[in-house]
Amino acid sequence: MGVPELLAPGGVADVLNVRGDSRIDVHIADGDFVLIRPQATARNGDIVVAQVEDNGVTLKSFFKEQARLLLQPANANYPPQFYDDVRIQGQHIGVIRRLD
């Protein structure tokens, strides 16, 4: 089953389960589901899914600086992450939260 057009234009989106609290200040919490539009590029400030050097995947705000890339958490308890290169897998376009 695809993602409904209402949630993702064209119905093209991946749904990922969030683990951790590094995005809590932008109301993305552990256990939420995020809608990700697949794409390989990002603009400064976009929230992206990025594959980093250790092959881990992270959901952070993307910023291109002069000589490096910054992946910025949205939780003061986590430091910014700097990389020479990352692989953008998609852009965050929505959040689904299940209420129990």
Protein backbone atom coordinates (compact mmCIF):
# COMPACT_ATOMS: atom_id res chain seq x y z
CA MET A 1 0.00 0.00 0.00
CA GLY A 2 1.38 3.41 -0.95
CA VAL A 3 1.26 6.63 1.00
CA PRO A 4 -2.02 8.53 0.38
CA GLU A 5 -1.85 11.55 -1.96
CA LEU A 6 -3.02 13.76 0.92
CA LEU A 7 0.18 12.99 2.85
CA ALA A 8 2.67 12.81 -0.02
CA PRO A 9 2.11 14.48 -3.40
CA GLY A 10 2.15 11.76 -6.01
CA GLY A 11 2.01 9.13 -3.26
CA VAL A 12 5.78 8.85 -3.41
CA ALA A 13 7.25 8.68 0.09
CA ASP A 14 8.98 6.29 2.43
CA VAL A 15 7.82 5.87 6.01
CA LEU A 16 10.53 5.52 8.64
CA ASN A 17 10.23 4.85 12.35
CA VAL A 18 12.16 7.37 14.46
CA ARG A 19 14.50 6.07 17.14
CA GLY A 20 15.95 8.53 19.62
CA ASP A 21 15.22 12.08 20.68
CA SER A 22 17.66 14.18 18.63
CA ARG A 23 14.74 15.94 16.83
CA ILE A 24 12.52 16.59 19.85
CA ASP A 25 12.75 20.41 19.60
CA VAL A 26 10.99 20.23 16.20
CA HIS A 27 8.33 17.87 17.58
CA ILE A 28 9.72 14.67 16.11
CA ALA A 29 9.86 12.13 18.95
CA ASP A 30 11.08 8.59 19.53
CA GLY A 31 8.50 6.20 18.06
CA ASP A 32 7.07 8.69 15.55
CA PHE A 33 6.82 7.79 11.89
CA VAL A 34 8.26 10.30 9.42
CA LEU A 35 7.34 10.65 5.76
CA ILE A 36 10.44 10.98 3.58
CA ARG A 37 10.36 12.05 -0.07
CA PRO A 38 13.18 10.16 -1.80
CA GLN A 39 15.77 12.55 -3.27
CA ALA A 40 19.55 12.80 -3.45
CA THR A 41 19.94 16.56 -2.89
CA ALA A 42 19.18 19.00 -0.11
CA ARG A 43 19.14 22.73 0.53
CA ASN A 44 20.40 24.40 3.68
CA GLY A 45 17.89 23.94 6.47
CA ASP A 46 16.13 20.90 4.99
CA ILE A 47 15.48 18.03 7.39
CA VAL A 48 16.95 15.01 5.65
CA VAL A 49 17.68 11.35 6.03
CA ALA A 50 21.42 11.10 5.46
CA GLN A 51 23.71 8.11 5.30
CA VAL A 52 26.93 9.03 7.08
CA GLU A 53 30.50 7.72 7.00
CA ASP A 54 29.93 4.75 9.30
CA ASN A 55 26.96 3.66 7.12
CA GLY A 56 24.57 4.81 9.81
CA VAL A 57 21.44 6.72 8.85
CA THR A 58 20.33 9.85 10.65
CA LEU A 59 17.50 12.39 10.50
CA LYS A 60 18.95 15.89 10.90
CA SER A 61 18.86 19.41 9.47
CA PHE A 62 21.32 19.75 6.59
CA PHE A 63 23.71 22.67 6.10
CA LYS A 64 26.54 22.95 3.61
CA GLU A 65 29.45 24.96 4.99
CA GLN A 66 32.57 25.99 3.10
CA ALA A 67 34.65 22.85 3.55
CA ARG A 68 32.27 20.43 5.24
CA LEU A 69 28.68 19.38 5.78
CA LEU A 70 26.79 19.96 9.02
CA LEU A 71 24.00 17.71 10.24
CA GLN A 72 22.30 19.61 13.06
CA PRO A 73 20.19 17.88 15.71
CA ALA A 74 17.18 19.66 17.20
CA ASN A 75 17.99 18.87 20.83
CA ALA A 76 20.49 20.87 22.89
CA ASN A 77 21.74 17.61 24.45
CA TYR A 78 23.33 16.57 21.14
CA PRO A 79 26.29 18.25 19.42
CA PRO A 80 26.29 19.17 15.73
CA GLN A 81 27.75 16.51 13.44
CA PHE A 82 30.33 17.50 10.81
CA TYR A 83 31.21 15.39 7.77
CA ASP A 84 33.26 15.67 4.61
CA ASP A 85 30.56 13.80 2.71
CA VAL A 86 27.12 12.31 3.32
CA ARG A 87 24.62 10.58 1.05
CA ILE A 88 21.22 12.26 1.11
CA GLN A 89 18.48 9.64 0.87
CA GLY A 90 15.44 11.89 1.19
CA GLN A 91 13.74 14.96 2.65
CA HIS A 92 11.36 14.96 5.59
CA ILE A 93 7.84 15.98 4.55
CA GLY A 94 5.67 14.93 7.50
CA VAL A 95 5.25 13.23 10.85
CA ILE A 96 2.74 10.64 11.97
CA ARG A 97 2.36 10.11 15.70
CA ARG A 98 0.42 7.25 17.15
CA LEU A 99 -1.48 8.10 20.31
CA ASP A 100 -2.10 5.27 22.73
